[in-house]
Amino acid sequence: MNALTVDVEDYYHVAAFDSVVRPDAWCQYESRVERNTQRILDMFDEYGTKATFFVLGCVGERYPGLVQAIHKHGHEVASHGYSHRRIYTQTPAQFREETRKAKKLVENIIGQSIIGYRAASYSITRESLWALDILAQEGFSYDSSIFPIRHDLYGIPDHGRFFSIIERNGSGRIAEIPLSTVKLLKVNLPFGGGGYLRLFPYAFTDFALRRLETREHQPAVVYFHPWEIDPDQPRIHAGYKSRFRQYTNLRGMEGKVRRLLSNFSFAPIREVYAARLNLPTATLDSDAARDRRIG
């Protein structure tokens, strides 16, 4: 069983547009997150699939009914922070304030505690590992923000590729559930999510998922965003790299997601990792053993 996740944010929230779209100008853009997320809910109902939805706090604040709908459809609701600011651009005090605000906001909407967190742009890097201390202290059971790859905006290339329990200098424990990679020629290659799912041929994603299942006996963590199934979203004038990351192969994304739903089994993170999230000590895979103590 693989973990299926959705990062609930709008097209103008993404880090690719940070240099041209200011947060104080978000209100000037047409919001499409509500209708796109509802389309995803309908698609998941069609396939009888449940997932984890990492909800951006400012989206939940504007559309509480959407968060309630996610919850009522039987999906796990988790936190994506409040304002989609990358963690390493914040101070620890700012991050704690935003994290606490977003968690309380979402919990008040659905009427129950949430246990999962994913950072904007996977921005828990080696320079912002202190965020794990705050997440543990604020009551999160797991984080799913670390990408064990090299990238210009995120990534810890030598981090373990699978579930681990991380302890940091007595600040508490938190489970880390990294984004999925497949190791080929000693290099971690990302797959099964976002731009990687859009850019790579479906055959590669299928190969990587089956390799994790049959050779490494590990679940994959698949992710995408509501704006990625919306090829008609308004275009934002930005640099070539930003436009390439945002708009490439949008039209084929929903078809790829549907093929995944047809060919593989998925569930929310808290279900896939239920037994391991209850463990008080130690990691369960050798690849993550070196991450038992970071920092």
Protein backbone atom coordinates (compact mmCIF):
# COMPACT_ATOMS: atom_id res chain seq x y z
CA MET A 1 0.00 0.00 0.00
CA ASN A 2 1.40 3.40 -1.05
CA ALA A 3 0.74 6.81 0.49
CA LEU A 4 -1.19 9.30 -1.65
CA THR A 5 -0.90 12.99 -0.76
CA VAL A 6 -2.22 16.30 -2.06
CA ASP A 7 -0.65 19.67 -1.20
CA VAL A 8 -3.65 22.01 -1.13
CA GLU A 9 -2.46 25.36 -2.47
CA ASP A 10 -3.33 27.67 -5.35
CA TYR A 11 -1.31 28.21 -8.51
CA TYR A 12 -0.01 31.63 -7.42
CA HIS A 13 1.28 30.32 -4.06
CA VAL A 14 4.16 28.33 -5.54
CA ALA A 15 7.80 29.17 -4.85
CA ALA A 16 8.52 29.42 -8.58
CA PHE A 17 6.66 32.74 -8.60
CA ASP A 18 8.08 34.24 -5.39
CA SER A 19 9.96 36.90 -7.31
CA VAL A 20 6.92 38.15 -9.25
CA VAL A 21 3.90 37.42 -7.01
CA ARG A 22 3.91 39.07 -3.59
CA PRO A 23 1.73 37.57 -0.85
CA ASP A 24 0.02 40.93 -0.35
CA ALA A 25 -1.09 40.72 -4.02
CA TRP A 26 -2.62 37.23 -3.83
CA CYS A 27 -6.10 38.72 -3.56
CA GLN A 28 -5.68 40.13 -7.08
CA TYR A 29 -5.48 36.66 -8.63
CA GLU A 30 -8.39 34.42 -9.51
CA SER A 31 -8.58 31.63 -6.95
CA ARG A 32 -9.01 28.15 -8.41
CA VAL A 33 -8.01 25.94 -5.49
CA GLU A 34 -11.57 25.24 -4.32
CA ARG A 35 -12.88 23.91 -7.64
CA ASN A 36 -9.68 22.00 -8.42
CA THR A 37 -9.62 20.31 -5.01
CA GLN A 38 -13.28 19.39 -5.38
CA ARG A 39 -12.41 17.76 -8.72
CA ILE A 40 -9.76 15.72 -6.93
CA LEU A 41 -12.27 14.67 -4.25
CA ASP A 42 -14.67 13.54 -6.98
CA MET A 43 -11.88 11.62 -8.76
CA PHE A 44 -10.79 9.89 -5.57
CA ASP A 45 -14.43 8.94 -4.87
CA GLU A 46 -14.62 7.46 -8.36
CA TYR A 47 -11.68 5.17 -7.62
CA GLY A 48 -12.57 4.51 -3.99
CA THR A 49 -9.26 6.03 -2.86
CA LYS A 50 -8.40 7.93 0.30
CA ALA A 51 -5.43 10.28 0.70
CA THR A 52 -3.70 12.79 2.96
CA PHE A 53 -4.44 16.43 2.13
CA PHE A 54 -1.80 18.86 3.41
CA VAL A 55 -3.87 22.04 3.65
CA LEU A 56 -2.31 25.49 3.48
CA GLY A 57 -3.60 27.51 6.41
CA CYS A 58 -4.53 30.58 4.37
CA VAL A 59 -6.57 28.34 2.05
CA GLY A 60 -8.39 26.81 5.00
CA GLU A 61 -9.06 30.26 6.41
CA ARG A 62 -10.63 31.39 3.12
CA TYR A 63 -12.43 28.12 2.32
CA PRO A 64 -13.30 26.32 5.58
CA GLY A 65 -16.06 24.45 3.76
CA LEU A 66 -13.44 22.88 1.50
CA VAL A 67 -11.47 21.58 4.48
CA GLN A 68 -14.68 20.21 5.97
CA ALA A 69 -15.44 18.48 2.66
CA ILE A 70 -12.01 16.83 2.60
CA HIS A 71 -12.59 15.57 6.13
CA LYS A 72 -16.15 14.40 5.46
CA HIS A 73 -14.98 12.44 2.40
CA GLY A 74 -12.87 10.36 4.79
CA HIS A 75 -9.43 11.72 3.92
CA GLU A 76 -6.69 12.62 6.37
CA VAL A 77 -6.31 16.37 6.87
CA ALA A 78 -2.78 17.57 7.69
CA SER A 79 -0.93 20.90 7.73
CA HIS A 80 0.99 22.60 4.92
CA GLY A 81 1.84 25.58 7.09
CA TYR A 82 0.02 28.90 6.87
CA SER A 83 1.48 31.21 4.22
CA HIS A 84 3.61 28.94 1.99
CA ARG A 85 6.81 30.64 3.09
CA ARG A 86 9.85 28.41 2.82
CA ILE A 87 11.08 27.52 6.28
CA TYR A 88 14.67 28.64 5.73
CA THR A 89 13.43 32.17 5.00
CA GLN A 90 11.90 32.37 8.49
CA THR A 91 13.28 32.64 11.99
CA PRO A 92 12.40 29.85 14.42
CA ALA A 93 10.02 32.23 16.21
CA GLN A 94 8.24 33.10 12.96
CA PHE A 95 8.00 29.46 11.98
CA ARG A 96 6.57 28.46 15.35
CA GLU A 97 3.96 31.22 15.17
CA GLU A 98 2.86 30.28 11.65
CA THR A 99 2.87 26.56 12.43
CA ARG A 100 0.81 26.97 15.57
CA LYS A 101 -1.65 29.28 13.81
CA ALA A 102 -2.17 26.91 10.86
CA LYS A 103 -2.55 23.83 13.06
CA LYS A 104 -5.12 25.43 15.33
CA LEU A 105 -7.05 26.86 12.37
CA VAL A 106 -7.39 23.51 10.60
CA GLU A 107 -8.16 21.62 13.79
CA ASN A 108 -10.96 24.04 14.63
CA ILE A 109 -12.47 23.52 11.18
CA ILE A 110 -12.55 19.71 11.31
CA GLY A 111 -13.02 19.36 15.06
CA GLN A 112 -10.12 17.01 15.69
CA SER A 113 -6.36 17.00 16.09
CA ILE A 114 -4.04 16.68 13.12
CA ILE A 115 -0.74 14.83 13.31
CA GLY A 116 1.03 15.47 9.98
CA TYR A 117 3.00 18.34 8.45
CA ARG A 118 4.57 19.11 5.09
CA ALA A 119 6.66 22.24 4.52
CA ALA A 120 6.14 24.63 1.65
CA SER A 121 8.46 23.61 -1.19
CA TYR A 122 9.84 20.73 0.94
CA SER A 123 11.95 23.36 2.67
CA ILE A 124 13.27 21.35 5.60
CA THR A 125 16.87 21.30 4.47
CA ARG A 126 20.10 20.81 6.37
CA GLU A 127 19.97 24.53 7.24
CA SER A 128 16.43 24.32 8.67
CA LEU A 129 16.45 21.03 10.54
CA TRP A 130 15.62 23.04 13.66
CA ALA A 131 12.04 23.06 12.34
CA LEU A 132 11.72 19.40 13.35
CA ASP A 133 12.19 20.41 17.00
CA ILE A 134 9.33 22.88 16.73
CA LEU A 135 7.06 20.43 14.93
CA ALA A 136 7.59 17.84 17.66
CA GLN A 137 7.00 20.43 20.37
CA GLU A 138 3.81 21.62 18.68
CA GLY A 139 2.32 18.12 18.74
CA PHE A 140 2.96 16.72 15.27
CA SER A 141 3.60 12.98 15.02
CA TYR A 142 5.17 13.03 11.57
CA ASP A 143 6.72 15.30 8.99
CA SER A 144 6.83 14.64 5.25
CA SER A 145 9.04 17.46 4.00
CA ILE A 146 12.52 16.08 3.39
CA PHE A 147 13.43 15.22 -0.19
CA PRO A 148 16.63 13.13 -0.36
CA ILE A 149 17.79 14.69 -3.65
CA ARG A 150 19.81 17.64 -4.95
CA HIS A 151 17.69 20.62 -5.99
CA ASP A 152 18.15 24.37 -6.06
CA LEU A 153 15.27 25.02 -3.64
CA TYR A 154 15.25 21.98 -1.36
CA GLY A 155 16.73 18.58 -0.60
CA ILE A 156 19.09 16.66 1.71
CA PRO A 157 20.77 14.26 -0.74
CA ASP A 158 22.27 11.92 1.87
CA HIS A 159 19.17 11.67 4.03
CA GLY A 160 17.62 8.23 4.43
CA ARG A 161 15.07 7.44 1.75
CA PHE A 162 12.44 5.84 3.97
CA PHE A 163 10.55 6.20 7.23
CA SER A 164 12.64 7.02 10.29
CA ILE A 165 12.17 8.26 13.82
CA ILE A 166 14.32 11.34 14.30
CA GLU A 167 15.62 12.54 17.65
CA ARG A 168 17.35 15.89 17.97
CA ASN A 169 19.25 16.81 21.11
CA GLY A 170 16.50 15.87 23.53
CA SER A 171 13.84 18.07 21.87
CA GLY A 172 11.51 15.15 21.30
CA ARG A 173 10.91 12.65 18.56
CA ILE A 174 9.15 12.96 15.26
CA ALA A 175 8.71 10.53 12.40
CA GLU A 176 10.11 11.60 9.05
CA ILE A 177 8.44 10.27 5.90
CA PRO A 178 10.55 11.51 2.95
CA LEU A 179 9.30 12.09 -0.57
CA SER A 180 9.95 9.08 -2.77
CA THR A 181 13.08 8.39 -4.76
CA VAL A 182 14.47 5.40 -6.60
CA LYS A 183 18.22 4.71 -6.37
CA LEU A 184 19.84 4.11 -9.76
CA LEU A 185 23.63 4.10 -10.23
CA LYS A 186 24.00 5.33 -6.62
CA VAL A 187 21.90 8.43 -7.34
CA ASN A 188 18.51 9.16 -5.78
CA LEU A 189 16.06 10.00 -8.55
CA PRO A 190 12.75 11.65 -7.59
CA PHE A 191 9.51 10.25 -8.96
CA GLY A 192 5.80 10.00 -8.38
CA GLY A 193 5.05 13.57 -7.55
CA GLY A 194 4.46 17.06 -8.83
CA GLY A 195 6.72 18.16 -11.66
CA TYR A 196 8.49 14.80 -11.69
CA LEU A 197 5.23 13.01 -12.39
CA ARG A 198 4.43 15.53 -15.11
CA LEU A 199 7.90 15.54 -16.69
CA PHE A 200 8.83 11.86 -16.69
CA PRO A 201 7.05 9.31 -18.87
CA TYR A 202 4.43 7.36 -16.98
CA ALA A 203 6.43 4.19 -17.62
CA PHE A 204 9.25 5.50 -15.39
CA THR A 205 6.87 6.22 -12.52
CA ASP A 206 5.33 2.78 -12.89
CA PHE A 207 8.80 1.18 -12.91
CA ALA A 208 9.92 3.09 -9.82
CA LEU A 209 6.79 2.28 -7.82
CA ARG A 210 7.09 -1.42 -8.61
CA ARG A 211 10.80 -1.40 -7.80
CA LEU A 212 10.12 0.05 -4.35
CA GLU A 213 7.42 -2.53 -3.79
CA THR A 214 9.20 -5.66 -5.04
CA ARG A 215 12.89 -4.97 -4.32
CA GLU A 216 12.87 -2.67 -1.31
CA HIS A 217 9.48 -3.59 0.18
CA GLN A 218 8.67 0.03 0.94
CA PRO A 219 5.63 2.17 0.22
CA ALA A 220 5.96 5.13 -2.10
CA VAL A 221 4.81 8.64 -1.21
CA VAL A 222 2.99 10.09 -4.23
CA TYR A 223 2.04 13.77 -4.22
CA PHE A 224 0.55 16.42 -6.46
CA HIS A 225 -1.17 19.81 -6.23
CA PRO A 226 -4.70 20.87 -7.24
CA TRP A 227 -3.32 23.35 -9.78
CA GLU A 228 -1.53 20.51 -11.59
CA ILE A 229 -4.81 19.13 -12.94
CA ASP A 230 -5.82 22.59 -14.19
CA PRO A 231 -4.21 23.20 -17.60
CA ASP A 232 -6.37 26.31 -18.13
CA GLN A 233 -5.08 28.17 -15.08
CA PRO A 234 -4.10 31.82 -15.66
CA ARG A 235 -0.51 32.24 -16.85
CA ILE A 236 1.83 34.30 -14.72
CA HIS A 237 4.63 36.23 -16.42
CA ALA A 238 7.87 34.92 -14.91
CA GLY A 239 11.27 33.60 -15.94
CA TYR A 240 11.68 30.62 -18.23
CA LYS A 241 12.67 28.20 -15.45
CA SER A 242 9.65 29.16 -13.36
CA ARG A 243 7.26 28.80 -16.29
CA PHE A 244 8.81 25.46 -17.26
CA ARG A 245 8.35 24.10 -13.74
CA GLN A 246 4.79 25.34 -13.46
CA TYR A 247 3.24 24.68 -16.85
CA THR A 248 5.01 21.72 -18.48
CA ASN A 249 2.64 18.80 -19.22
CA LEU A 250 -0.26 20.11 -17.17
CA ARG A 251 -2.69 18.75 -19.74
CA GLY A 252 -1.56 15.18 -19.22
CA MET A 253 -1.39 15.24 -15.43
CA GLU A 254 -4.90 14.09 -14.59
CA GLY A 255 -4.53 11.14 -16.94
CA LYS A 256 -1.32 10.08 -15.17
CA VAL A 257 -2.97 10.33 -11.77
CA ARG A 258 -5.87 8.23 -12.99
CA ARG A 259 -3.47 5.57 -14.29
CA LEU A 260 -1.79 5.45 -10.89
CA LEU A 261 -5.14 5.09 -9.16
CA SER A 262 -6.03 2.25 -11.52
CA ASN A 263 -2.73 0.37 -11.23
CA PHE A 264 -1.71 0.78 -7.58
CA SER A 265 -3.23 0.79 -4.10
CA PHE A 266 -3.14 3.98 -2.07
CA ALA A 267 -4.16 5.19 1.37
CA PRO A 268 -3.50 8.21 3.64
CA ILE A 269 -0.13 8.49 5.35
CA ARG A 270 -1.57 7.88 8.81
CA GLU A 271 -3.02 4.57 7.58
CA VAL A 272 0.00 3.38 5.60
CA TYR A 273 2.36 4.07 8.50
CA ALA A 274 -0.07 3.46 11.38
CA ALA A 275 1.96 0.76 13.11
CA ARG A 276 5.28 2.55 12.71
CA LEU A 277 3.91 5.89 13.89
CA ASN A 278 3.09 4.23 17.19
CA LEU A 279 6.63 3.01 17.72
CA PRO A 280 8.48 4.97 20.43
CA THR A 281 12.02 4.16 19.26
CA ALA A 282 14.31 3.32 16.37
CA THR A 283 13.89 3.35 12.66
CA LEU A 284 12.60 0.35 10.78
CA ASP A 285 14.85 0.39 7.75
CA SER A 286 18.61 0.30 7.47
CA ASP A 287 18.74 3.03 4.83
CA ALA A 288 17.41 5.53 7.38
CA ALA A 289 19.48 4.35 10.32
CA ARG A 290 22.03 7.13 9.99
CA ASP A 291 19.19 9.66 10.43
CA ARG A 292 18.20 8.51 13.90
CA ARG A 293 20.08 11.47 15.29
CA ILE A 294 20.47 14.57 13.13
CA GLY A 295 22.06 17.80 14.15
